[in-house]
Amino acid sequence: MEKIALLVTEEQKETIYSLFGYYNWDVNLVDSDNEIAKVTTLSTQTSDIVHEEIEDGIEENQFLIEQDQECEECPFCFCKPCNTSENNRQMWWESEPQCRHKRNHSLRKEKYKYFWTMMFHREAWKGDRYLLRKQAALERDPKFKNYTWHKRDIMPNCVLKLVRGWHPNPENITYMGHLWE
């Protein structure tokens, strides 16, 4: 058996599990932090994975990306380096801005989901400063003044600026801003 090390997104991981499940192969996760590797065999039956996630109902980060302490912290996403930095460039990133169009909102939404996942794996959504910022934003919105639970996280300005640059609205259409639900 040969070892292969991969750094993958959540979507890529699910695709790999599906491929291995299709052929009834086992996936062995190796804990690379230990000198003596612990190997965990996971079921690749797609139905098993989906049902376990639904039954658990718990959102747990099983893949953590450490912050680089030598990099400067972004004042918007509180990550080191910033999620929009070239150091974090992903294959799905746009290489050049697209034309202004009224349907770009759907393209932006897709990119925001990818950035949400990047922030999730850096545990940026759990940071005290982010939670304070989110609470302050909730308190500014009169509809949600008495709510403590809400469905969405606030995308940081660094991400908004980059993604809106990739997929801009036409000049006569303003951006919607943050929607809580």
Protein backbone atom coordinates (compact mmCIF):
# COMPACT_ATOMS: atom_id res chain seq x y z
CA MET A 1 0.00 0.00 0.00
CA GLU A 2 1.30 3.47 -0.90
CA LYS A 3 0.67 6.72 1.02
CA ILE A 4 -0.47 9.86 -0.77
CA ALA A 5 -0.80 13.18 1.07
CA LEU A 6 -3.51 15.56 -0.16
CA LEU A 7 -4.77 18.94 0.98
CA VAL A 8 -8.33 19.17 -0.29
CA THR A 9 -11.45 21.26 0.14
CA GLU A 10 -14.59 19.77 1.66
CA GLU A 11 -16.09 19.40 -1.81
CA GLN A 12 -12.98 17.60 -3.10
CA LYS A 13 -12.97 15.32 -0.05
CA GLU A 14 -16.59 14.33 -0.68
CA THR A 15 -15.78 13.65 -4.34
CA ILE A 16 -12.87 11.41 -3.35
CA TYR A 17 -15.11 9.54 -0.88
CA SER A 18 -17.73 9.08 -3.62
CA LEU A 19 -15.13 7.73 -6.06
CA PHE A 20 -13.75 5.31 -3.48
CA GLY A 21 -17.27 4.31 -2.48
CA TYR A 22 -18.18 3.60 -6.10
CA TYR A 23 -15.36 1.05 -6.30
CA ASN A 24 -15.89 -0.17 -2.69
CA TRP A 25 -12.37 0.89 -1.72
CA ASP A 26 -11.42 1.91 1.81
CA VAL A 27 -10.07 5.38 2.64
CA ASN A 28 -7.32 5.38 5.26
CA LEU A 29 -6.71 8.71 6.98
CA VAL A 30 -3.22 9.05 8.42
CA ASP A 31 -2.54 11.45 11.29
CA SER A 32 0.64 13.11 9.99
CA ASP A 33 1.30 14.93 13.29
CA ASN A 34 2.35 11.75 15.04
CA GLU A 35 5.64 10.02 14.32
CA ILE A 36 3.82 6.71 14.55
CA ALA A 37 0.92 7.17 12.18
CA LYS A 38 -2.52 6.25 13.39
CA VAL A 39 -4.61 4.90 10.54
CA THR A 40 -8.36 5.26 10.61
CA THR A 41 -10.45 3.35 8.10
CA LEU A 42 -13.61 5.13 7.03
CA SER A 43 -16.63 3.72 5.30
CA THR A 44 -16.95 5.03 1.77
CA GLN A 45 -20.55 4.03 1.31
CA THR A 46 -22.11 7.34 0.28
CA SER A 47 -25.40 6.54 1.99
CA ASP A 48 -23.56 5.81 5.28
CA ILE A 49 -21.77 9.17 5.20
CA VAL A 50 -24.92 11.16 4.41
CA HIS A 51 -27.04 9.41 7.06
CA GLU A 52 -24.36 9.82 9.74
CA GLU A 53 -24.13 13.55 9.03
CA ILE A 54 -27.90 13.95 9.16
CA GLU A 55 -28.28 11.91 12.35
CA ASP A 56 -25.45 13.72 14.13
CA GLY A 57 -26.70 17.18 13.16
CA ILE A 58 -23.44 18.56 14.50
CA GLU A 59 -21.22 20.85 12.49
CA GLU A 60 -17.71 19.75 13.39
CA ASN A 61 -14.51 20.92 11.75
CA GLN A 62 -12.48 17.79 11.05
CA PHE A 63 -9.97 19.63 8.87
CA LEU A 64 -8.24 22.60 10.51
CA ILE A 65 -5.89 25.00 8.71
CA GLU A 66 -3.47 26.60 11.14
CA GLN A 67 -2.89 30.36 11.05
CA ASP A 68 0.60 31.43 9.92
CA GLN A 69 1.86 33.45 12.89
CA GLU A 70 4.58 35.10 10.77
CA CYS A 71 2.04 36.71 8.43
CA GLU A 72 0.19 39.95 9.04
CA GLU A 73 -3.38 39.54 10.29
CA CYS A 74 -6.20 40.83 8.11
CA PRO A 75 -8.35 43.39 10.00
CA PHE A 76 -11.49 42.12 8.22
CA CYS A 77 -11.35 38.30 8.36
CA PHE A 78 -8.89 38.09 11.31
CA CYS A 79 -6.85 35.43 9.46
CA LYS A 80 -3.09 35.16 9.03
CA PRO A 81 -2.68 35.58 6.08
CA CYS A 82 -5.89 37.08 4.75
CA ASN A 83 -8.21 34.61 3.02
CA THR A 84 -7.97 36.70 -0.14
CA SER A 85 -4.16 36.66 -0.12
CA GLU A 86 -2.28 35.02 -2.99
CA ASN A 87 -0.90 32.62 -0.35
CA ASN A 88 -4.40 31.13 -0.12
CA ARG A 89 -5.15 31.12 -3.85
CA GLN A 90 -7.45 28.26 -4.88
CA MET A 91 -8.06 26.62 -8.24
CA TRP A 92 -11.60 28.06 -8.38
CA TRP A 93 -10.35 31.66 -8.10
CA GLU A 94 -10.98 33.89 -11.10
CA SER A 95 -7.90 34.95 -13.04
CA GLU A 96 -9.52 38.15 -14.31
CA PRO A 97 -12.70 40.16 -13.65
CA GLN A 98 -15.81 39.16 -15.56
CA CYS A 99 -18.11 41.56 -17.40
CA ARG A 100 -20.73 43.46 -15.41
CA HIS A 101 -24.02 41.55 -15.52
CA LYS A 102 -27.25 41.39 -13.53
CA ARG A 103 -26.89 37.59 -13.14
CA ASN A 104 -23.46 37.86 -11.46
CA HIS A 105 -25.12 37.57 -8.04
CA SER A 106 -25.43 33.80 -8.53
CA LEU A 107 -21.72 33.53 -9.38
CA ARG A 108 -20.83 35.61 -6.32
CA LYS A 109 -23.00 33.38 -4.12
CA GLU A 110 -21.05 30.32 -5.26
CA LYS A 111 -17.72 32.01 -4.46
CA TYR A 112 -19.01 33.18 -1.07
CA LYS A 113 -19.76 29.55 -0.19
CA TYR A 114 -16.17 28.59 -1.03
CA PHE A 115 -14.82 31.44 1.09
CA TRP A 116 -17.18 30.47 3.92
CA THR A 117 -15.59 27.00 3.85
CA MET A 118 -12.08 28.50 3.88
CA MET A 119 -13.01 30.58 6.93
CA PHE A 120 -14.64 27.56 8.58
CA HIS A 121 -11.45 25.51 8.23
CA ARG A 122 -9.48 28.35 9.82
CA GLU A 123 -12.08 28.55 12.61
CA ALA A 124 -12.48 32.26 11.88
CA TRP A 125 -16.24 32.06 12.51
CA LYS A 126 -15.57 31.00 16.12
CA GLY A 127 -13.18 33.84 16.99
CA ASP A 128 -14.18 36.22 19.79
CA ARG A 129 -13.60 39.35 17.69
CA TYR A 130 -15.70 37.99 14.83
CA LEU A 131 -18.52 37.01 17.20
CA LEU A 132 -18.49 40.52 18.71
CA ARG A 133 -18.64 42.03 15.21
CA LYS A 134 -21.54 39.76 14.28
CA GLN A 135 -23.42 40.57 17.51
CA ALA A 136 -22.97 44.31 16.87
CA ALA A 137 -24.32 43.89 13.34
CA LEU A 138 -27.33 41.99 14.67
CA GLU A 139 -28.04 44.74 17.18
CA ARG A 140 -27.95 47.38 14.41
CA ASP A 141 -30.70 45.54 12.51
CA PRO A 142 -34.02 46.35 14.29
CA LYS A 143 -35.75 43.16 13.06
CA PHE A 144 -33.18 41.02 14.87
CA LYS A 145 -32.54 43.11 17.97
CA ASN A 146 -33.95 40.44 20.33
CA TYR A 147 -32.66 37.38 18.47
CA THR A 148 -29.56 35.51 19.50
CA TRP A 149 -29.71 32.77 16.86
CA HIS A 150 -29.35 33.47 13.14
CA LYS A 151 -28.63 31.45 10.05
CA ARG A 152 -25.80 33.32 8.38
CA ASP A 153 -22.33 34.56 9.07
CA ILE A 154 -21.12 37.98 7.95
CA MET A 155 -18.70 37.73 5.05
CA PRO A 156 -15.67 39.95 5.74
CA ASN A 157 -15.05 43.05 3.61
CA CYS A 158 -11.84 41.61 2.13
CA VAL A 159 -13.85 38.74 0.61
CA LEU A 160 -16.70 41.01 -0.52
CA LYS A 161 -14.27 43.33 -2.29
CA LEU A 162 -12.47 40.49 -4.11
CA VAL A 163 -15.60 38.59 -5.17
CA ARG A 164 -17.45 41.75 -6.24
CA GLY A 165 -14.38 42.63 -8.29
CA TRP A 166 -14.58 39.26 -10.04
CA HIS A 167 -18.35 39.40 -10.68
CA PRO A 168 -19.53 43.03 -10.57
CA ASN A 169 -23.12 44.23 -10.81
CA PRO A 170 -24.11 46.59 -13.62
CA GLU A 171 -23.54 50.22 -12.61
CA ASN A 172 -27.27 50.87 -12.05
CA ILE A 173 -27.77 47.87 -9.69
CA THR A 174 -26.60 48.18 -6.08
CA TYR A 175 -25.32 45.25 -4.04
CA MET A 176 -27.83 43.70 -1.63
CA GLY A 177 -25.61 43.69 1.43
CA HIS A 178 -25.88 41.10 4.18
CA LEU A 179 -29.07 39.06 4.50
CA TRP A 180 -29.63 37.33 7.83
CA GLU A 181 -31.96 34.64 6.48
